Amino acid sequence: MKDPFLKKFIIGGAQLGMRYGDKRNKLYENKSEQKKILSLAKKFGINKIDTAQKYGNSEKNLGENKNHFGKKLFIISKFDLEKFDKEKISLYFFIKNNLKKTLKKLGTKKIDVLMIHRFQDLKVYKNKLIAALNKIKKNKLINEVGISVYSPSELKYSCKFKLIKNIQIPFNILDNRWLKPSLFRYLNKKKVKIYIRSIFLRGLLLNTNVPLEFKKISKQIDLIFQKYIIKFNRVSKIDLCLAYVKSFKWIDYFVIGFINHKQFEEILLNYKNPRLNKNEVNLINNEMKRIIKRKIILMPNLWKN
């Protein structure tokens, strides 16, 4: 019997298209590894993948290898308006034209969820952007609309727009910003699906991609991890990180990246392990609150390297 949590597992597609996170990543240029990963996903019954127009060759590589999944793919892709020029083209046609390029690369006529990649695009264009996306949805090029955000305030703002049914947030064992009862009550009313990313914080939590400015805190985190791996009888850092995020029922999907099929397999084997209990989660949270003094640590998009 397959682990029910695997239904919530989404393959992070950034590493499939470019050097992302761990500096050892060469997955984006290794066709053999890409095929092994998709075949492994098929074996475990995983058919969901998260990609984006900004992820290099991710959409192209996925389209070329998608048959290795062995079943219909559930695809999330993201777009931004960085190159949008309202003097030359309408918002609707800009998004539609770029979406058609995405569909061609993926080899499909429709994707399941199209997400706004940058919150500032929603903040600037507001209802005009929502109207354009609603029109694209009515044209049956996408099933649902979503957005990727970085903070609880961005999440709450995004929930004001009824069309947005899917919200992707960064969440991991260090990040207590989302653990407010008032936020949960708000989300329950809005009935949106929550996807979490940055479970390993671009490798910082596994000591594989540590910016120089975070070397000191990385060592502190490592000591805490070693303590709780023993105390909670966990297998590894990967196991502890996964067991932590799996403990929260408000999470609908887990977007998880990796650099090769061996790391993917290790994640899958640990993914089936039990979640942490409430007392264990509280111990971890109290410990992490003590050492996380700078919010920039939780925001990889602001890191210098």
Protein backbone atom coordinates (compact mmCIF):
# COMPACT_ATOMS: atom_id res chain seq x y z
CA MET A 1 0.00 0.00 0.00
CA LYS A 2 1.38 3.39 -1.03
CA ASP A 3 1.94 6.05 1.64
CA PRO A 4 -1.01 8.50 1.46
CA PHE A 5 1.43 11.36 1.92
CA LEU A 6 2.92 10.57 -1.50
CA LYS A 7 -0.28 11.91 -3.04
CA LYS A 8 0.81 15.28 -1.68
CA PHE A 9 4.35 15.03 -3.05
CA ILE A 10 5.24 17.44 -5.87
CA ILE A 11 8.58 17.27 -7.67
CA GLY A 12 10.36 20.64 -7.56
CA GLY A 13 11.27 21.33 -11.18
CA ALA A 14 13.83 24.14 -10.77
CA GLN A 15 16.74 21.68 -10.62
CA LEU A 16 15.50 20.08 -13.83
CA GLY A 17 16.16 23.28 -15.74
CA MET A 18 19.06 25.16 -14.18
CA ARG A 19 21.68 25.20 -11.43
CA TYR A 20 19.51 25.90 -8.41
CA GLY A 21 20.24 25.60 -4.70
CA ASP A 22 22.95 22.98 -4.20
CA LYS A 23 26.01 23.98 -6.26
CA ARG A 24 26.65 20.32 -7.08
CA ASN A 25 23.45 20.18 -9.10
CA LYS A 26 23.95 19.08 -12.71
CA LEU A 27 20.56 17.46 -13.10
CA TYR A 28 19.40 20.08 -15.60
CA GLU A 29 21.99 18.89 -18.16
CA ASN A 30 21.93 15.15 -17.43
CA LYS A 31 19.25 13.46 -19.57
CA SER A 32 19.94 10.04 -18.06
CA GLU A 33 19.36 11.32 -14.51
CA GLN A 34 16.16 13.06 -15.58
CA LYS A 35 14.77 9.80 -16.98
CA LYS A 36 15.73 7.92 -13.81
CA ILE A 37 13.93 10.50 -11.69
CA LEU A 38 10.72 10.35 -13.69
CA SER A 39 10.83 6.54 -13.70
CA LEU A 40 11.31 6.59 -9.92
CA ALA A 41 8.33 8.93 -9.62
CA LYS A 42 6.26 6.43 -11.62
CA LYS A 43 7.35 3.61 -9.30
CA PHE A 44 6.16 5.54 -6.24
CA GLY A 45 2.95 6.75 -7.90
CA ILE A 46 3.98 10.42 -8.02
CA ASN A 47 2.55 12.42 -10.93
CA LYS A 48 2.80 16.07 -9.81
CA ILE A 49 5.52 18.53 -10.79
CA ASP A 50 6.15 22.22 -10.13
CA THR A 51 7.96 24.21 -12.80
CA ALA A 52 8.15 27.79 -14.12
CA GLN A 53 8.99 29.84 -17.18
CA LYS A 54 12.00 31.22 -15.28
CA TYR A 55 13.44 27.77 -14.50
CA GLY A 56 15.76 27.59 -17.49
CA ASN A 57 15.09 24.43 -19.52
CA SER A 58 12.83 22.87 -16.89
CA GLU A 59 9.64 22.94 -18.99
CA LYS A 60 11.48 21.72 -22.10
CA ASN A 61 13.25 18.87 -20.28
CA LEU A 62 10.02 17.85 -18.60
CA GLY A 63 8.13 17.80 -21.88
CA GLU A 64 10.77 15.64 -23.54
CA ASN A 65 10.76 13.09 -20.71
CA LYS A 66 7.20 13.18 -19.37
CA ASN A 67 6.32 9.77 -20.88
CA HIS A 68 8.54 8.17 -18.24
CA PHE A 69 5.91 9.07 -15.63
CA GLY A 70 3.59 6.49 -17.13
CA LYS A 71 0.45 8.47 -16.25
CA LYS A 72 -1.07 11.88 -16.75
CA LEU A 73 1.00 14.64 -15.23
CA PHE A 74 -0.42 17.20 -12.81
CA ILE A 75 1.51 20.32 -13.80
CA ILE A 76 1.98 23.57 -11.91
CA SER A 77 3.80 26.32 -13.81
CA LYS A 78 4.53 29.94 -12.95
CA PHE A 79 4.88 33.17 -14.92
CA ASP A 80 5.93 36.75 -14.21
CA LEU A 81 5.40 40.15 -15.81
CA GLU A 82 9.00 41.36 -15.69
CA LYS A 83 9.12 41.85 -19.48
CA PHE A 84 5.53 43.05 -19.87
CA ASP A 85 5.21 46.34 -21.79
CA LYS A 86 1.67 47.69 -21.67
CA GLU A 87 2.46 50.04 -24.56
CA LYS A 88 3.04 47.12 -26.92
CA ILE A 89 0.60 44.42 -25.84
CA SER A 90 -2.35 43.82 -23.54
CA LEU A 91 -1.92 41.97 -20.25
CA TYR A 92 -4.14 39.14 -21.46
CA PHE A 93 -2.24 38.53 -24.70
CA PHE A 94 1.15 38.80 -22.99
CA ILE A 95 0.23 36.06 -20.53
CA LYS A 96 -1.53 33.97 -23.19
CA ASN A 97 1.42 34.14 -25.61
CA ASN A 98 3.88 33.10 -22.91
CA LEU A 99 1.54 30.37 -21.70
CA LYS A 100 1.34 28.93 -25.23
CA LYS A 101 5.15 28.70 -25.26
CA THR A 102 4.95 26.83 -21.95
CA LEU A 103 2.29 24.45 -23.29
CA LYS A 104 4.39 23.75 -26.38
CA LYS A 105 7.50 22.97 -24.30
CA LEU A 106 5.50 20.71 -22.00
CA GLY A 107 3.76 19.00 -24.91
CA THR A 108 0.28 19.52 -23.52
CA LYS A 109 -2.84 21.56 -24.33
CA LYS A 110 -3.61 22.57 -20.76
CA ILE A 111 -1.96 22.83 -17.37
CA ASP A 112 -3.55 22.26 -13.99
CA VAL A 113 -2.40 25.33 -12.07
CA LEU A 114 -0.87 28.55 -13.41
CA MET A 115 0.75 30.58 -10.65
CA ILE A 116 1.78 34.22 -10.47
CA HIS A 117 5.51 33.90 -9.77
CA ARG A 118 6.06 37.35 -8.25
CA PHE A 119 3.72 38.79 -5.65
CA GLN A 120 4.58 42.33 -6.80
CA ASP A 121 2.86 41.62 -10.12
CA LEU A 122 -0.42 41.06 -8.29
CA LYS A 123 0.20 44.12 -6.13
CA VAL A 124 0.77 46.34 -9.20
CA TYR A 125 -1.87 45.04 -11.63
CA LYS A 126 -4.46 43.74 -9.15
CA ASN A 127 -7.89 43.23 -10.76
CA LYS A 128 -6.54 43.69 -14.29
CA LEU A 129 -4.25 40.71 -13.79
CA ILE A 130 -7.05 38.65 -12.22
CA ALA A 131 -9.37 39.50 -15.15
CA ALA A 132 -6.73 38.42 -17.68
CA LEU A 133 -6.17 35.12 -15.85
CA ASN A 134 -9.90 34.51 -15.55
CA LYS A 135 -10.22 34.94 -19.32
CA ILE A 136 -7.40 32.44 -19.89
CA LYS A 137 -9.13 30.01 -17.52
CA LYS A 138 -12.42 30.41 -19.44
CA ASN A 139 -10.51 29.62 -22.64
CA LYS A 140 -9.62 26.29 -20.99
CA LEU A 141 -5.84 26.71 -21.17
CA ILE A 142 -5.58 26.24 -17.39
CA ASN A 143 -7.70 24.64 -14.68
CA GLU A 144 -6.90 26.90 -11.73
CA VAL A 145 -4.95 30.01 -10.73
CA GLY A 146 -2.39 30.38 -7.93
CA ILE A 147 0.43 32.53 -6.62
CA SER A 148 3.85 32.13 -5.01
CA VAL A 149 4.41 34.33 -1.93
CA TYR A 150 7.11 34.89 0.69
CA SER A 151 5.28 36.17 3.78
CA PRO A 152 2.00 35.82 5.71
CA SER A 153 1.03 39.38 4.75
CA GLU A 154 1.44 38.52 1.04
CA LEU A 155 -0.63 35.39 1.56
CA LYS A 156 -3.48 37.32 3.21
CA TYR A 157 -3.47 39.93 0.46
CA SER A 158 -3.61 37.22 -2.23
CA CYS A 159 -6.59 35.58 -0.56
CA LYS A 160 -8.67 38.69 -1.30
CA PHE A 161 -8.93 37.53 -4.91
CA LYS A 162 -11.43 34.67 -5.26
CA LEU A 163 -9.82 33.37 -8.46
CA ILE A 164 -6.65 32.49 -6.55
CA LYS A 165 -7.25 29.00 -5.14
CA ASN A 166 -3.64 27.83 -4.78
CA ILE A 167 -0.89 29.52 -2.73
CA GLN A 168 2.73 28.43 -2.54
CA ILE A 169 4.75 29.45 0.53
CA PRO A 170 8.27 28.80 1.89
CA PHE A 171 8.01 26.70 5.04
CA ASN A 172 10.48 24.56 6.97
CA ILE A 173 11.74 23.60 10.40
CA LEU A 174 13.24 27.09 10.96
CA ASP A 175 10.26 29.14 9.87
CA ASN A 176 7.76 29.99 12.63
CA ARG A 177 6.21 32.95 10.79
CA TRP A 178 3.27 30.87 9.54
CA LEU A 179 2.35 29.24 12.85
CA LYS A 180 -0.28 31.69 14.04
CA PRO A 181 -3.80 30.46 14.95
CA SER A 182 -5.30 33.62 13.45
CA LEU A 183 -3.72 32.78 10.09
CA PHE A 184 -5.14 29.24 10.17
CA ARG A 185 -8.62 30.55 10.91
CA TYR A 186 -8.29 32.98 8.02
CA LEU A 187 -7.18 30.22 5.63
CA ASN A 188 -10.04 27.95 6.67
CA LYS A 189 -12.52 30.66 5.70
CA LYS A 190 -10.86 31.28 2.34
CA LYS A 191 -10.60 27.59 1.40
CA VAL A 192 -7.35 27.83 -0.55
CA LYS A 193 -4.89 25.00 -1.15
CA ILE A 194 -1.49 25.53 0.46
CA TYR A 195 1.71 24.27 -1.19
CA ILE A 196 4.96 24.49 0.75
CA ARG A 197 8.43 24.82 -0.75
CA SER A 198 11.96 25.43 0.65
CA ILE A 199 11.64 22.44 2.99
CA PHE A 200 15.46 22.16 3.03
CA LEU A 201 15.93 25.94 2.56
CA ARG A 202 17.96 25.56 -0.64
CA GLY A 203 20.29 23.11 1.09
CA LEU A 204 21.06 25.31 4.12
CA LEU A 205 19.39 22.78 6.44
CA LEU A 206 21.42 19.94 4.92
CA ASN A 207 24.69 21.92 4.95
CA THR A 208 25.03 21.61 1.17
CA ASN A 209 24.49 25.22 0.07
CA VAL A 210 25.50 27.56 2.86
CA PRO A 211 26.10 31.24 1.96
CA LEU A 212 29.16 32.66 3.74
CA GLU A 213 27.02 35.03 5.81
CA PHE A 214 25.13 32.05 7.30
CA LYS A 215 28.10 29.78 8.14
CA LYS A 216 27.83 30.49 11.86
CA ILE A 217 24.11 29.81 12.15
CA SER A 218 24.47 26.75 9.92
CA LYS A 219 26.76 25.22 12.54
CA GLN A 220 24.23 26.02 15.29
CA ILE A 221 21.44 24.43 13.25
CA ASP A 222 23.59 21.37 12.66
CA LEU A 223 24.14 20.89 16.40
CA ILE A 224 20.41 21.19 17.08
CA PHE A 225 19.65 18.70 14.30
CA GLN A 226 22.13 16.17 15.67
CA LYS A 227 20.56 16.49 19.13
CA TYR A 228 17.00 15.94 17.91
CA ILE A 229 17.86 13.22 15.43
CA ILE A 230 19.02 11.19 18.44
CA LYS A 231 16.31 12.40 20.83
CA PHE A 232 13.46 11.70 18.36
CA ASN A 233 15.04 8.53 16.95
CA ARG A 234 15.16 9.92 13.41
CA VAL A 235 17.26 8.59 10.54
CA SER A 236 18.86 11.79 9.17
CA LYS A 237 18.49 15.53 8.61
CA ILE A 238 16.27 14.80 5.63
CA ASP A 239 14.04 12.60 7.79
CA LEU A 240 13.80 15.27 10.51
CA CYS A 241 12.94 18.06 8.03
CA LEU A 242 10.25 15.95 6.35
CA ALA A 243 8.80 14.65 9.62
CA TYR A 244 8.45 18.24 10.85
CA VAL A 245 6.52 19.65 7.88
CA LYS A 246 4.36 16.52 7.62
CA SER A 247 3.11 17.29 11.13
CA PHE A 248 0.93 20.19 9.96
CA LYS A 249 -2.51 19.26 8.66
CA TRP A 250 -3.07 22.62 6.95
CA ILE A 251 -0.50 21.77 4.28
CA ASP A 252 -2.07 20.35 1.12
CA TYR A 253 1.05 19.74 -1.00
CA PHE A 254 4.82 19.49 -0.52
CA VAL A 255 7.10 20.80 -3.31
CA ILE A 256 10.45 19.07 -2.88
CA GLY A 257 13.60 19.49 -4.94
CA PHE A 258 16.71 17.29 -5.24
CA ILE A 259 19.89 17.13 -7.33
CA ASN A 260 19.93 13.50 -8.55
CA HIS A 261 17.93 10.27 -8.46
CA LYS A 262 19.82 8.97 -5.42
CA GLN A 263 18.84 11.97 -3.32
CA PHE A 264 15.27 11.69 -4.65
CA GLU A 265 15.19 8.04 -3.59
CA GLU A 266 16.54 8.93 -0.13
CA ILE A 267 13.80 11.55 0.25
CA LEU A 268 11.13 9.06 -0.82
CA LEU A 269 12.34 6.40 1.59
CA ASN A 270 12.30 8.93 4.45
CA TYR A 271 9.02 10.48 3.34
CA LYS A 272 7.09 7.42 4.54
CA ASN A 273 8.47 7.71 8.07
CA PRO A 274 6.14 8.92 10.87
CA ARG A 275 5.58 12.63 11.42
CA LEU A 276 6.69 14.36 14.62
CA ASN A 277 4.19 14.51 17.47
CA LYS A 278 2.94 17.76 19.00
CA ASN A 279 5.47 17.79 21.85
CA GLU A 280 8.36 17.18 19.47
CA VAL A 281 7.21 20.00 17.20
CA ASN A 282 6.98 22.38 20.17
CA LEU A 283 10.50 21.50 21.32
CA ILE A 284 11.88 22.19 17.85
CA ASN A 285 9.95 25.46 17.51
CA ASN A 286 11.18 26.82 20.84
CA GLU A 287 14.76 25.93 19.97
CA MET A 288 14.63 27.55 16.54
CA LYS A 289 12.99 30.74 17.84
CA ARG A 290 16.02 31.19 20.05
CA ILE A 291 18.56 31.19 17.23
CA ILE A 292 16.65 32.77 14.30
CA LYS A 293 17.16 36.49 14.83
CA ARG A 294 17.41 37.61 11.19
CA LYS A 295 14.43 37.00 8.90
CA ILE A 296 16.69 37.14 5.83
CA ILE A 297 17.79 33.61 6.70
CA LEU A 298 14.27 32.48 5.79
CA MET A 299 14.31 34.35 2.44
CA PRO A 300 16.67 32.66 -0.06
CA ASN A 301 15.62 35.15 -2.76
CA LEU A 302 17.47 37.83 -0.78
CA TRP A 303 20.68 35.86 -0.24
CA LYS A 304 23.84 37.31 -1.77
CA ASN A 305 25.17 33.95 -3.01
